[in-house]
C-alpha atoms as a PDB file:
ATOM      1  CA  MET A   1     -19.523   8.768  -2.945  1.00  0.00           C
ATOM      2  CA  ALA A   2     -16.187   8.799  -1.138  1.00  0.00           C
ATOM      3  CA  TYR A   3     -14.186   7.862  -4.211  1.00  0.00           C
ATOM      4  CA  SER A   4     -16.038  10.309  -6.427  1.00  0.00           C
ATOM      5  CA  GLU A   5     -14.851  13.070  -4.099  1.00  0.00           C
ATOM      6  CA  ILE A   6     -11.248  11.840  -4.412  1.00  0.00           C
ATOM      7  CA  GLU A   7     -11.598  11.663  -8.183  1.00  0.00           C
ATOM      8  CA  ARG A   8     -13.079  15.168  -8.367  1.00  0.00           C
ATOM      9  CA  ARG A   9     -10.198  16.614  -6.370  1.00  0.00           C
ATOM     10  CA  LEU A  10      -7.580  14.885  -8.520  1.00  0.00           C
ATOM     11  CA  LYS A  11      -9.177  16.183 -11.709  1.00  0.00           C
ATOM     12  CA  ALA A  12      -9.063  19.696 -10.247  1.00  0.00           C
ATOM     13  CA  GLY A  13      -5.354  19.339  -9.458  1.00  0.00           C
ATOM     14  CA  GLY A  14      -5.854  19.091  -5.717  1.00  0.00           C
ATOM     15  CA  ILE A  15      -3.640  17.096  -3.377  1.00  0.00           C
ATOM     16  CA  VAL A  16      -4.949  13.867  -1.859  1.00  0.00           C
ATOM     17  CA  ILE A  17      -3.343  12.530   1.310  1.00  0.00           C
ATOM     18  CA  LEU A  18      -3.006   8.807   1.814  1.00  0.00           C
ATOM     19  CA  ASP A  19      -2.422   7.267   5.236  1.00  0.00           C
ATOM     20  CA  GLY A  20       0.874   5.818   6.473  1.00  0.00           C
ATOM     21  CA  GLY A  21       1.928   2.317   7.435  1.00  0.00           C
ATOM     22  CA  THR A  22      -0.772   0.094   8.955  1.00  0.00           C
ATOM     23  CA  GLY A  23       1.094  -3.126   9.704  1.00  0.00           C
ATOM     24  CA  THR A  24       4.134  -1.334  11.080  1.00  0.00           C
ATOM     25  CA  GLU A  25       1.950   1.004  13.110  1.00  0.00           C
ATOM     26  CA  LEU A  26       0.253  -2.021  14.697  1.00  0.00           C
ATOM     27  CA  GLU A  27       3.712  -3.279  15.601  1.00  0.00           C
ATOM     28  CA  ARG A  28       4.777   0.123  16.901  1.00  0.00           C
ATOM     29  CA  ARG A  29       1.770   0.043  19.241  1.00  0.00           C
ATOM     30  CA  GLY A  30       2.702  -3.339  20.685  1.00  0.00           C
ATOM     31  CA  VAL A  31       0.712  -5.741  18.505  1.00  0.00           C
ATOM     32  CA  PRO A  32       2.707  -8.949  17.878  1.00  0.00           C
ATOM     33  CA  MET A  33       3.452  -9.889  14.280  1.00  0.00           C
ATOM     34  CA  ASP A  34       2.912 -13.438  13.051  1.00  0.00           C
ATOM     35  CA  ALA A  35       6.014 -15.351  11.932  1.00  0.00           C
ATOM     36  CA  GLU A  36       4.233 -16.389   8.718  1.00  0.00           C
ATOM     37  CA  ALA A  37       1.462 -13.886   7.991  1.00  0.00           C
ATOM     38  CA  TRP A  38       3.117 -10.746   9.409  1.00  0.00           C
ATOM     39  CA  CYS A  39       0.309  -8.262  10.162  1.00  0.00           C
ATOM     40  CA  GLY A  40      -2.404 -10.270   8.404  1.00  0.00           C
ATOM     41  CA  ALA A  41      -3.151 -12.303  11.494  1.00  0.00           C
ATOM     42  CA  ALA A  42      -3.314  -9.286  13.809  1.00  0.00           C
ATOM     43  CA  THR A  43      -6.750  -8.005  12.840  1.00  0.00           C
ATOM     44  CA  LEU A  44      -9.077 -10.233  14.845  1.00  0.00           C
ATOM     45  CA  ASP A  45      -7.529  -9.810  18.269  1.00  0.00           C
ATOM     46  CA  HIS A  46      -6.589  -6.147  17.970  1.00  0.00           C
ATOM     47  CA  LEU A  47      -9.556  -4.387  16.404  1.00  0.00           C
ATOM     48  CA  ASP A  48      -9.481  -1.502  18.885  1.00  0.00           C
ATOM     49  CA  VAL A  49      -5.832  -0.773  18.128  1.00  0.00           C
ATOM     50  CA  LEU A  50      -6.468  -1.027  14.390  1.00  0.00           C
ATOM     51  CA  GLN A  51      -9.427   1.330  14.563  1.00  0.00           C
ATOM     52  CA  GLY A  52      -7.354   3.768  16.590  1.00  0.00           C
ATOM     53  CA  ILE A  53      -4.668   3.762  13.892  1.00  0.00           C
ATOM     54  CA  HIS A  54      -7.194   4.543  11.174  1.00  0.00           C
ATOM     55  CA  ARG A  55      -8.715   7.322  13.258  1.00  0.00           C
ATOM     56  CA  ASP A  56      -5.296   8.813  13.975  1.00  0.00           C
ATOM     57  CA  TYR A  57      -4.509   8.918  10.279  1.00  0.00           C
ATOM     58  CA  ILE A  58      -7.803  10.625   9.523  1.00  0.00           C
ATOM     59  CA  ALA A  59      -7.144  13.154  12.283  1.00  0.00           C
ATOM     60  CA  ALA A  60      -3.690  13.755  10.786  1.00  0.00           C
ATOM     61  CA  GLY A  61      -5.291  14.699   7.473  1.00  0.00           C
ATOM     62  CA  ALA A  62      -5.534  11.448   5.478  1.00  0.00           C
ATOM     63  CA  ASP A  63      -8.231  11.411   2.809  1.00  0.00           C
ATOM     64  CA  ILE A  64      -7.786   7.664   2.208  1.00  0.00           C
ATOM     65  CA  ILE A  65      -7.301   4.976   4.832  1.00  0.00           C
ATOM     66  CA  THR A  66      -6.121   1.498   3.896  1.00  0.00           C
ATOM     67  CA  ALA A  67      -7.672  -1.667   5.314  1.00  0.00           C
ATOM     68  CA  ASN A  68      -5.238  -4.080   6.955  1.00  0.00           C
ATOM     69  CA  THR A  69      -5.407  -6.618   4.115  1.00  0.00           C
ATOM     70  CA  TYR A  70      -1.930  -6.331   2.592  1.00  0.00           C
ATOM     71  CA  ALA A  71      -0.764  -9.645   4.085  1.00  0.00           C
ATOM     72  CA  SER A  72      -4.057 -11.511   4.427  1.00  0.00           C
ATOM     73  CA  SER A  73      -4.559 -13.362   1.162  1.00  0.00           C
ATOM     74  CA  ARG A  74      -5.312 -17.044   1.637  1.00  0.00           C
ATOM     75  CA  LEU A  75      -1.702 -17.769   0.624  1.00  0.00           C
ATOM     76  CA  MET A  76      -0.429 -15.884   3.662  1.00  0.00           C
ATOM     77  CA  LEU A  77      -3.093 -17.023   6.107  1.00  0.00           C
ATOM     78  CA  LYS A  78      -2.699 -20.670   5.115  1.00  0.00           C
ATOM     79  CA  ALA A  79       0.991 -20.531   6.000  1.00  0.00           C
ATOM     80  CA  ALA A  80      -0.026 -19.244   9.437  1.00  0.00           C
ATOM     81  CA  GLY A  81      -2.656 -21.958   9.896  1.00  0.00           C
ATOM     82  CA  LEU A  82      -5.473 -19.443   9.497  1.00  0.00           C
ATOM     83  CA  ALA A  83      -6.906 -20.293   6.072  1.00  0.00           C
ATOM     84  CA  ASP A  84     -10.274 -21.098   7.641  1.00  0.00           C
ATOM     85  CA  GLN A  85     -10.351 -17.544   9.046  1.00  0.00           C
ATOM     86  CA  PHE A  86      -9.790 -15.859   5.686  1.00  0.00           C
ATOM     87  CA  GLU A  87     -13.205 -14.268   5.296  1.00  0.00           C
ATOM     88  CA  ARG A  88     -13.580 -13.354   8.947  1.00  0.00           C
ATOM     89  CA  ILE A  89     -10.166 -11.658   9.113  1.00  0.00           C
ATOM     90  CA  ASN A  90     -10.558  -9.649   5.938  1.00  0.00           C
ATOM     91  CA  ARG A  91     -14.138  -8.566   6.535  1.00  0.00           C
ATOM     92  CA  ALA A  92     -13.164  -7.446  10.022  1.00  0.00           C
ATOM     93  CA  ALA A  93     -10.298  -5.395   8.566  1.00  0.00           C
ATOM     94  CA  VAL A  94     -12.567  -3.549   6.141  1.00  0.00           C
ATOM     95  CA  GLU A  95     -15.354  -3.100   8.674  1.00  0.00           C
ATOM     96  CA  THR A  96     -12.889  -1.620  11.157  1.00  0.00           C
ATOM     97  CA  ALA A  97     -11.787   0.959   8.599  1.00  0.00           C
ATOM     98  CA  HIS A  98     -15.447   1.822   7.979  1.00  0.00           C
ATOM     99  CA  ARG A  99     -16.091   2.262  11.704  1.00  0.00           C
ATOM    100  CA  ALA A 100     -13.092   4.552  12.009  1.00  0.00           C
ATOM    101  CA  ARG A 101     -14.329   6.642   9.112  1.00  0.00           C
ATOM    102  CA  GLU A 102     -17.793   6.955  10.619  1.00  0.00           C
ATOM    103  CA  ALA A 103     -16.446   7.783  14.068  1.00  0.00           C
ATOM    104  CA  SER A 104     -14.209  10.519  12.666  1.00  0.00           C
ATOM    105  CA  GLY A 105     -17.101  12.673  11.516  1.00  0.00           C
ATOM    106  CA  ARG A 106     -15.144  13.715   8.420  1.00  0.00           C
ATOM    107  CA  GLN A 107     -16.869  13.504   5.060  1.00  0.00           C
ATOM    108  CA  GLY A 108     -15.342  12.152   1.855  1.00  0.00           C
ATOM    109  CA  ILE A 109     -12.879   9.695   3.420  1.00  0.00           C
ATOM    110  CA  ALA A 110     -12.284   6.697   1.135  1.00  0.00           C
ATOM    111  CA  VAL A 111     -11.478   3.176   2.318  1.00  0.00           C
ATOM    112  CA  ALA A 112      -8.917   1.353   0.168  1.00  0.00           C
ATOM    113  CA  GLY A 113      -8.520  -2.385   0.098  1.00  0.00           C
ATOM    114  CA  SER A 114      -4.861  -3.396  -0.069  1.00  0.00           C
ATOM    115  CA  LEU A 115      -3.883  -6.247  -2.381  1.00  0.00           C
ATOM    116  CA  SER A 116      -0.274  -7.422  -2.652  1.00  0.00           C
ATOM    117  CA  HIS A 117       1.536 -10.370  -4.181  1.00  0.00           C
ATOM    118  CA  MET A 118       3.276 -11.147  -0.881  1.00  0.00           C
ATOM    119  CA  PHE A 119       4.254 -14.782  -0.226  1.00  0.00           C
ATOM    120  CA  PRO A 120       5.422 -16.439   2.987  1.00  0.00           C
ATOM    121  CA  MET A 121       9.054 -15.577   3.670  1.00  0.00           C
ATOM    122  CA  VAL A 122      12.060 -17.408   5.009  1.00  0.00           C
ATOM    123  CA  GLY A 123      12.165 -16.858   8.757  1.00  0.00           C
ATOM    124  CA  GLY A 124      14.247 -13.907   9.849  1.00  0.00           C
ATOM    125  CA  SER A 125      14.637 -12.472   6.371  1.00  0.00           C
ATOM    126  CA  ALA A 126      12.858 -10.621   3.593  1.00  0.00           C
ATOM    127  CA  GLN A 127      13.435 -13.474   1.138  1.00  0.00           C
ATOM    128  CA  VAL A 128      10.606 -15.512  -0.378  1.00  0.00           C
ATOM    129  CA  ASP A 129      10.530 -19.175   0.622  1.00  0.00           C
ATOM    130  CA  LEU A 130      10.989 -20.731  -2.815  1.00  0.00           C
ATOM    131  CA  ALA A 131       9.759 -24.095  -1.547  1.00  0.00           C
ATOM    132  CA  ARG A 132       6.341 -22.545  -0.997  1.00  0.00           C
ATOM    133  CA  VAL A 133       5.983 -20.466  -4.145  1.00  0.00           C
ATOM    134  CA  PRO A 134       2.457 -21.189  -5.404  1.00  0.00           C
ATOM    135  CA  SER A 135       1.488 -21.982  -8.958  1.00  0.00           C
ATOM    136  CA  GLU A 136       0.229 -19.302 -11.306  1.00  0.00           C
ATOM    137  CA  GLN A 137      -3.298 -20.658 -10.905  1.00  0.00           C
ATOM    138  CA  ALA A 138      -3.037 -20.652  -7.104  1.00  0.00           C
ATOM    139  CA  MET A 139      -1.958 -17.006  -7.230  1.00  0.00           C
ATOM    140  CA  ALA A 140      -4.818 -16.071  -9.524  1.00  0.00           C
ATOM    141  CA  ASP A 141      -7.301 -17.839  -7.256  1.00  0.00           C
ATOM    142  CA  ALA A 142      -5.968 -16.287  -4.049  1.00  0.00           C
ATOM    143  CA  PHE A 143      -5.697 -12.741  -5.369  1.00  0.00           C
ATOM    144  CA  GLY A 144      -9.082 -13.017  -7.072  1.00  0.00           C
ATOM    145  CA  GLU A 145     -10.708 -14.255  -3.872  1.00  0.00           C
ATOM    146  CA  LEU A 146      -9.328 -11.367  -1.847  1.00  0.00           C
ATOM    147  CA  ALA A 147     -10.190  -8.768  -4.478  1.00  0.00           C
ATOM    148  CA  GLU A 148     -13.800  -9.929  -4.597  1.00  0.00           C
ATOM    149  CA  LEU A 149     -14.074  -9.863  -0.812  1.00  0.00           C
ATOM    150  CA  LEU A 150     -12.675  -6.327  -0.667  1.00  0.00           C
ATOM    151  CA  ARG A 151     -15.284  -5.201  -3.183  1.00  0.00           C
ATOM    152  CA  ASP A 152     -18.142  -7.000  -1.451  1.00  0.00           C
ATOM    153  CA  ALA A 153     -17.104  -5.716   1.982  1.00  0.00           C
ATOM    154  CA  GLY A 154     -17.431  -2.133   0.746  1.00  0.00           C
ATOM    155  CA  CYS A 155     -13.983  -0.856  -0.215  1.00  0.00           C
ATOM    156  CA  ASP A 156     -14.077   2.258  -2.387  1.00  0.00           C
ATOM    157  CA  LEU A 157     -10.982   1.306  -4.375  1.00  0.00           C
ATOM    158  CA  ILE A 158      -8.290  -1.357  -4.641  1.00  0.00           C
ATOM    159  CA  VAL A 159      -4.656  -0.406  -4.122  1.00  0.00           C
ATOM    160  CA  LEU A 160      -2.151  -2.843  -5.578  1.00  0.00           C
ATOM    161  CA  GLU A 161       0.780  -2.503  -3.206  1.00  0.00           C
ATOM    162  CA  MET A 162       4.420  -3.472  -3.622  1.00  0.00           C
ATOM    163  CA  MET A 163       4.103  -4.465  -7.245  1.00  0.00           C
ATOM    164  CA  TYR A 164       7.599  -5.468  -8.299  1.00  0.00           C
ATOM    165  CA  HIS A 165       7.765  -9.100  -9.379  1.00  0.00           C
ATOM    166  CA  PRO A 166       7.041  -9.806 -13.068  1.00  0.00           C
ATOM    167  CA  ASP A 167       5.933 -13.377 -12.385  1.00  0.00           C
ATOM    168  CA  ARG A 168       3.244 -12.286  -9.921  1.00  0.00           C
ATOM    169  CA  MET A 169       2.023  -8.877 -11.024  1.00  0.00           C
ATOM    170  CA  ALA A 170      -0.285 -10.058 -13.803  1.00  0.00           C
ATOM    171  CA  SER A 171      -2.347 -12.157 -11.378  1.00  0.00           C
ATOM    172  CA  ALA A 172      -2.724  -9.247  -8.974  1.00  0.00           C
ATOM    173  CA  PHE A 173      -3.639  -6.753 -11.695  1.00  0.00           C
ATOM    174  CA  GLY A 174      -6.095  -9.186 -13.255  1.00  0.00           C
ATOM    175  CA  ALA A 175      -7.788  -9.858  -9.923  1.00  0.00           C
ATOM    176  CA  ALA A 176      -8.212  -6.166  -9.158  1.00  0.00           C
ATOM    177  CA  LYS A 177      -9.575  -5.423 -12.619  1.00  0.00           C
ATOM    178  CA  THR A 178     -12.398  -7.959 -12.291  1.00  0.00           C
ATOM    179  CA  THR A 179     -13.863  -6.127  -9.273  1.00  0.00           C
ATOM    180  CA  GLY A 180     -14.967  -3.139 -11.308  1.00  0.00           C
ATOM    181  CA  LEU A 181     -13.584  -0.841  -8.604  1.00  0.00           C
ATOM    182  CA  PRO A 182     -11.067   1.920  -9.305  1.00  0.00           C
ATOM    183  CA  VAL A 183      -7.559   0.435  -9.143  1.00  0.00           C
ATOM    184  CA  TRP A 184      -4.418   2.267  -8.027  1.00  0.00           C
ATOM    185  CA  ALA A 185      -1.079   0.624  -8.750  1.00  0.00           C
ATOM    186  CA  GLY A 186       1.815   1.062  -6.340  1.00  0.00           C
ATOM    187  CA  PHE A 187       5.235  -0.054  -7.587  1.00  0.00           C
ATOM    188  CA  SER A 188       8.275  -0.580  -5.357  1.00  0.00           C
ATOM    189  CA  ALA A 189      11.837   0.228  -6.367  1.00  0.00           C
ATOM    190  CA  ARG A 190      15.411   0.147  -5.127  1.00  0.00           C
ATOM    191  CA  ARG A 191      18.701   1.631  -6.226  1.00  0.00           C
ATOM    192  CA  GLY A 192      21.138  -0.675  -8.013  1.00  0.00           C
ATOM    193  CA  ALA A 193      24.895  -0.735  -7.560  1.00  0.00           C
ATOM    194  CA  ASP A 194      25.297   1.560 -10.563  1.00  0.00           C
ATOM    195  CA  GLU A 195      22.625   3.968  -9.257  1.00  0.00           C
ATOM    196  CA  GLN A 196      20.094   2.616 -11.764  1.00  0.00           C
ATOM    197  CA  VAL A 197      16.500   2.467 -10.514  1.00  0.00           C
ATOM    198  CA  LEU A 198      15.476  -1.174 -10.299  1.00  0.00           C
ATOM    199  CA  SER A 199      12.412  -3.148  -9.310  1.00  0.00           C
ATOM    200  CA  PHE A 200      12.361  -3.904  -5.578  1.00  0.00           C
ATOM    201  CA  ALA A 201      12.827  -7.620  -6.380  1.00  0.00           C
ATOM    202  CA  PRO A 202      15.709  -8.794  -4.145  1.00  0.00           C
ATOM    203  CA  ASP A 203      16.607 -11.908  -6.150  1.00  0.00           C
ATOM    204  CA  ARG A 204      17.430 -10.276  -9.476  1.00  0.00           C
ATOM    205  CA  ASP A 205      18.067  -6.909 -11.089  1.00  0.00           C
ATOM    206  CA  ILE A 206      15.063  -5.761 -13.136  1.00  0.00           C
ATOM    207  CA  ALA A 207      14.976  -2.291 -14.629  1.00  0.00           C
ATOM    208  CA  PHE A 208      12.158  -0.289 -13.082  1.00  0.00           C
ATOM    209  CA  LYS A 209      10.999   0.820 -16.529  1.00  0.00           C
ATOM    210  CA  ASP A 210      10.378  -2.839 -17.387  1.00  0.00           C
ATOM    211  CA  THR A 211       8.358  -3.342 -14.209  1.00  0.00           C
ATOM    212  CA  VAL A 212       5.976  -0.462 -14.885  1.00  0.00           C
ATOM    213  CA  GLY A 213       5.536  -1.728 -18.444  1.00  0.00           C
ATOM    214  CA  VAL A 214       2.711  -3.883 -17.056  1.00  0.00           C
ATOM    215  CA  LEU A 215       0.544  -0.760 -17.249  1.00  0.00           C
ATOM    216  CA  THR A 216       0.323  -1.089 -21.024  1.00  0.00           C
ATOM    217  CA  GLY A 217      -2.021  -4.029 -20.469  1.00  0.00           C
ATOM    218  CA  PHE A 218      -4.139  -2.682 -17.625  1.00  0.00           C
ATOM    219  CA  ASP A 219      -6.209   0.463 -17.194  1.00  0.00           C
ATOM    220  CA  VAL A 220      -5.633   1.937 -13.730  1.00  0.00           C
ATOM    221  CA  ALA A 221      -7.013   5.131 -12.201  1.00  0.00           C
ATOM    222  CA  ALA A 222      -3.706   6.154 -10.591  1.00  0.00           C
ATOM    223  CA  ALA A 223      -0.191   4.782 -10.356  1.00  0.00           C
ATOM    224  CA  GLY A 224       2.883   5.583  -8.343  1.00  0.00           C
ATOM    225  CA  VAL A 225       5.856   4.583  -6.274  1.00  0.00           C
ATOM    226  CA  MET A 226       5.511   3.191  -2.759  1.00  0.00           C
ATOM    227  CA  HIS A 227       7.472   1.161  -0.196  1.00  0.00           C
ATOM    228  CA  THR A 228      10.600   2.719  -1.646  1.00  0.00           C
ATOM    229  CA  PRO A 229      13.259   4.896   0.031  1.00  0.00           C
ATOM    230  CA  ALA A 230      12.375   8.575  -0.195  1.00  0.00           C
ATOM    231  CA  ASN A 231      15.614   9.376  -2.031  1.00  0.00           C
ATOM    232  CA  VAL A 232      14.690   6.913  -4.802  1.00  0.00           C
ATOM    233  CA  VAL A 233      11.029   7.884  -5.230  1.00  0.00           C
ATOM    234  CA  GLY A 234      11.646  10.971  -7.355  1.00  0.00           C
ATOM    235  CA  ASP A 235      13.754   9.149  -9.938  1.00  0.00           C
ATOM    236  CA  ALA A 236      11.278   6.266 -10.043  1.00  0.00           C
ATOM    237  CA  ILE A 237       8.380   8.687 -10.562  1.00  0.00           C
ATOM    238  CA  ALA A 238      10.227  10.220 -13.527  1.00  0.00           C
ATOM    239  CA  ILE A 239      10.489   6.750 -15.103  1.00  0.00           C
ATOM    240  CA  LEU A 240       6.856   5.926 -14.343  1.00  0.00           C
ATOM    241  CA  ARG A 241       5.732   9.136 -16.000  1.00  0.00           C
ATOM    242  CA  GLY A 242       6.998   7.714 -19.280  1.00  0.00           C
ATOM    243  CA  ALA A 243       4.572   4.792 -18.996  1.00  0.00           C
ATOM    244  CA  PHE A 244       1.535   6.450 -17.394  1.00  0.00           C
ATOM    245  CA  ASP A 245      -0.130   9.817 -17.899  1.00  0.00           C
ATOM    246  CA  GLY A 246      -2.727   9.669 -15.118  1.00  0.00           C
ATOM    247  CA  PRO A 247      -2.587  10.815 -11.471  1.00  0.00           C
ATOM    248  CA  LEU A 248       0.699   9.951  -9.756  1.00  0.00           C
ATOM    249  CA  THR A 249       1.111   8.714  -6.188  1.00  0.00           C
ATOM    250  CA  ALA A 250       4.130   8.658  -3.866  1.00  0.00           C
ATOM    251  CA  TYR A 251       4.344   7.024  -0.445  1.00  0.00           C
ATOM    252  CA  PRO A 252       7.775   5.853   0.708  1.00  0.00           C
ATOM    253  CA  ASP A 253       8.841   3.553   3.508  1.00  0.00           C
ATOM    254  CA  SER A 254      11.581   4.120   6.072  1.00  0.00           C
ATOM    255  CA  GLY A 255      13.509   1.533   8.046  1.00  0.00           C
ATOM    256  CA  TYR A 256      13.732  -2.094   6.918  1.00  0.00           C
ATOM    257  CA  PHE A 257      12.040  -5.468   7.280  1.00  0.00           C
ATOM    258  CA  LYS A 258      13.403  -8.521   9.043  1.00  0.00           C
ATOM    259  CA  MET A 259      10.554 -11.008   9.152  1.00  0.00           C
ATOM    260  CA  PRO A 260       8.352 -10.798  11.084  1.00  0.00           C
ATOM    261  CA  GLN A 261       9.246  -7.344  12.474  1.00  0.00           C
ATOM    262  CA  TRP A 262       9.813  -3.964  10.917  1.00  0.00           C
ATOM    263  CA  GLN A 263      13.049  -2.416  12.106  1.00  0.00           C
ATOM    264  CA  PHE A 264      12.375   1.216  13.037  1.00  0.00           C
ATOM    265  CA  GLU A 265      15.941   2.357  12.433  1.00  0.00           C
ATOM    266  CA  ASP A 266      16.886   5.709  10.906  1.00  0.00           C
ATOM    267  CA  VAL A 267      13.239   6.525  10.173  1.00  0.00           C
ATOM    268  CA  ILE A 268      12.984   9.734   8.183  1.00  0.00           C
ATOM    269  CA  PRO A 269      11.843  12.712  10.320  1.00  0.00           C
ATOM    270  CA  PRO A 270       8.464  14.200   9.336  1.00  0.00           C
ATOM    271  CA  ASP A 271       9.963  17.525   8.256  1.00  0.00           C
ATOM    272  CA  GLU A 272      12.438  15.778   5.970  1.00  0.00           C
ATOM    273  CA  LEU A 273       9.630  13.708   4.447  1.00  0.00           C
ATOM    274  CA  LEU A 274       7.763  16.943   3.804  1.00  0.00           C
ATOM    275  CA  ARG A 275      10.772  18.334   1.923  1.00  0.00           C
ATOM    276  CA  PHE A 276      10.857  15.292  -0.339  1.00  0.00           C
ATOM    277  CA  ALA A 277       7.088  15.353  -0.789  1.00  0.00           C
ATOM    278  CA  THR A 278       7.167  19.024  -1.729  1.00  0.00           C
ATOM    279  CA  ASP A 279       9.530  18.154  -4.569  1.00  0.00           C
ATOM    280  CA  TRP A 280       7.309  15.261  -5.687  1.00  0.00           C
ATOM    281  CA  VAL A 281       4.264  17.496  -5.768  1.00  0.00           C
ATOM    282  CA  GLY A 282       6.268  20.073  -7.681  1.00  0.00           C
ATOM    283  CA  SER A 283       6.972  17.432 -10.323  1.00  0.00           C
ATOM    284  CA  GLY A 284       3.284  16.586 -10.692  1.00  0.00           C
ATOM    285  CA  VAL A 285       2.499  14.028  -7.964  1.00  0.00           C
ATOM    286  CA  LEU A 286      -1.033  14.498  -6.606  1.00  0.00           C
ATOM    287  CA  VAL A 287      -1.286  11.731  -3.971  1.00  0.00           C
ATOM    288  CA  VAL A 288       1.174  11.664  -1.065  1.00  0.00           C
ATOM    289  CA  GLY A 289       1.362   9.433   1.993  1.00  0.00           C
ATOM    290  CA  GLY A 290       3.596   6.940   3.748  1.00  0.00           C
ATOM    291  CA  CYS A 291       4.228   3.223   3.893  1.00  0.00           C
ATOM    292  CA  CYS A 292       6.044   0.957   6.348  1.00  0.00           C
ATOM    293  CA  GLY A 293       7.731   2.728   9.232  1.00  0.00           C
ATOM    294  CA  LEU A 294       5.835   5.997   8.737  1.00  0.00           C
ATOM    295  CA  SER A 295       3.257   7.166  11.245  1.00  0.00           C
ATOM    296  CA  PRO A 296       0.406   9.656  11.758  1.00  0.00           C
ATOM    297  CA  GLU A 297       3.043  12.244  12.645  1.00  0.00           C
ATOM    298  CA  HIS A 298       4.469  11.919   9.130  1.00  0.00           C
ATOM    299  CA  ILE A 299       1.039  12.163   7.533  1.00  0.00           C
ATOM    300  CA  LYS A 300       0.261  15.294   9.522  1.00  0.00           C
ATOM    301  CA  ALA A 301       3.406  16.874   8.085  1.00  0.00           C
ATOM    302  CA  VAL A 302       2.629  16.094   4.440  1.00  0.00           C
ATOM    303  CA  ALA A 303      -1.038  17.040   4.847  1.00  0.00           C
ATOM    304  CA  SER A 304       0.132  20.673   4.864  1.00  0.00           C
ATOM    305  CA  LEU A 305       0.702  20.258   1.119  1.00  0.00           C
ATOM    306  CA  LYS A 306      -3.055  20.612   0.594  1.00  0.00           C
ATOM    307  CA  GLU A 307      -2.911  24.262   1.584  1.00  0.00           C
ATOM    308  CA  GLY A 308      -3.483  26.574  -1.350  1.00  0.00           C
ATOM    309  CA  ARG A 309      -4.503  23.722  -3.687  1.00  0.00           C
ATOM    310  CA  PRO A 310      -7.990  23.024  -5.119  1.00  0.00           C
ATOM    311  CA  THR A 311     -10.286  21.277  -2.620  1.00  0.00           C
END
C-alpha cells in the first residue's frame, strides 16, 4: 500500500521526498563506525538512535525512509567478523524502520531497502582493498542474499545506491530484479579534470553516460543521481535523461568520507540545498532527498517543494 501511494503521486507529477543520510546521521549522533563495515555494524546496539533518525526524517517531511542496510551485505559484515549476524542485523534494520513508520502516525510512508556494491576499504581511505575484491559469483551471492532478505523483511522497494562500478553493477541490478519489488537505481558521479561528468569510480575515469547505460538491460521504476556533489547533480541528471524516461531522483551528499568516518566539512546549508533542488525539480526531477552528510534539517527544507504540487 505504501509504495502504491508513492507511485500514484509520481504519476500525477507530485513531488516525493526521500530521507537524508542514515549512516552519517548515526555518526553525527555519536554512534561509532566500524573500521570494516562502516555503519552496517551499528544497527544492533543502537536501535533507539536509529529509530529516532527515521522518525526525525518522517517529521521533516520524508515520504520514504531507508533501512540501514547500505553497508551490511555479507561481504561487509564478514570483513568485520559479523557474518554470523547477517540476518539478525539486517532484519533489525528493516524492523526498526517499520517501527518508526508506525510510531509516526503518518500514512503512506514507504520503507526502502538499501543495496549497494560496497566492498571493504583500505583503512583510512575511500579506496577499495583490492586484495579482498570478491569474485563475480561471490558478489552475486551476497547481493542476492541481501535483496531476498529485504523483500522478506517487508521493504516496499529496493534502492540501488552508489551504482558506479561497471564490474559490480550487474550483480546488484540482477539481485534486486529477482525480488519482484520496485527497484530504484541511484548512480553516483564526480567531475573530471576537464569538467566532464564521470562515474564516481575513484580508480579510473568512466564517462557517466557509459555508467547509466546499464539501464538498457534492466527495467527500473525510477532512476537518478545520488551521493554526488550538488553542483554536479544537475549535469548528471541531464545525461541520465538520455538513457531513462521514467521518474528521476536526486539526493546529493556533502562532505567527504575517510574510512570509517564521514567528514562533516563544508556541508551545504539547507537553504542552498533547496535552491539546487528547486532547479532539479524545474528540470523534471520528482524525487528529492539527501545522502551522506545531510540531515533532517536539510530534508525539512526540500520538503517545501511539495507545496502546490499534486498530492
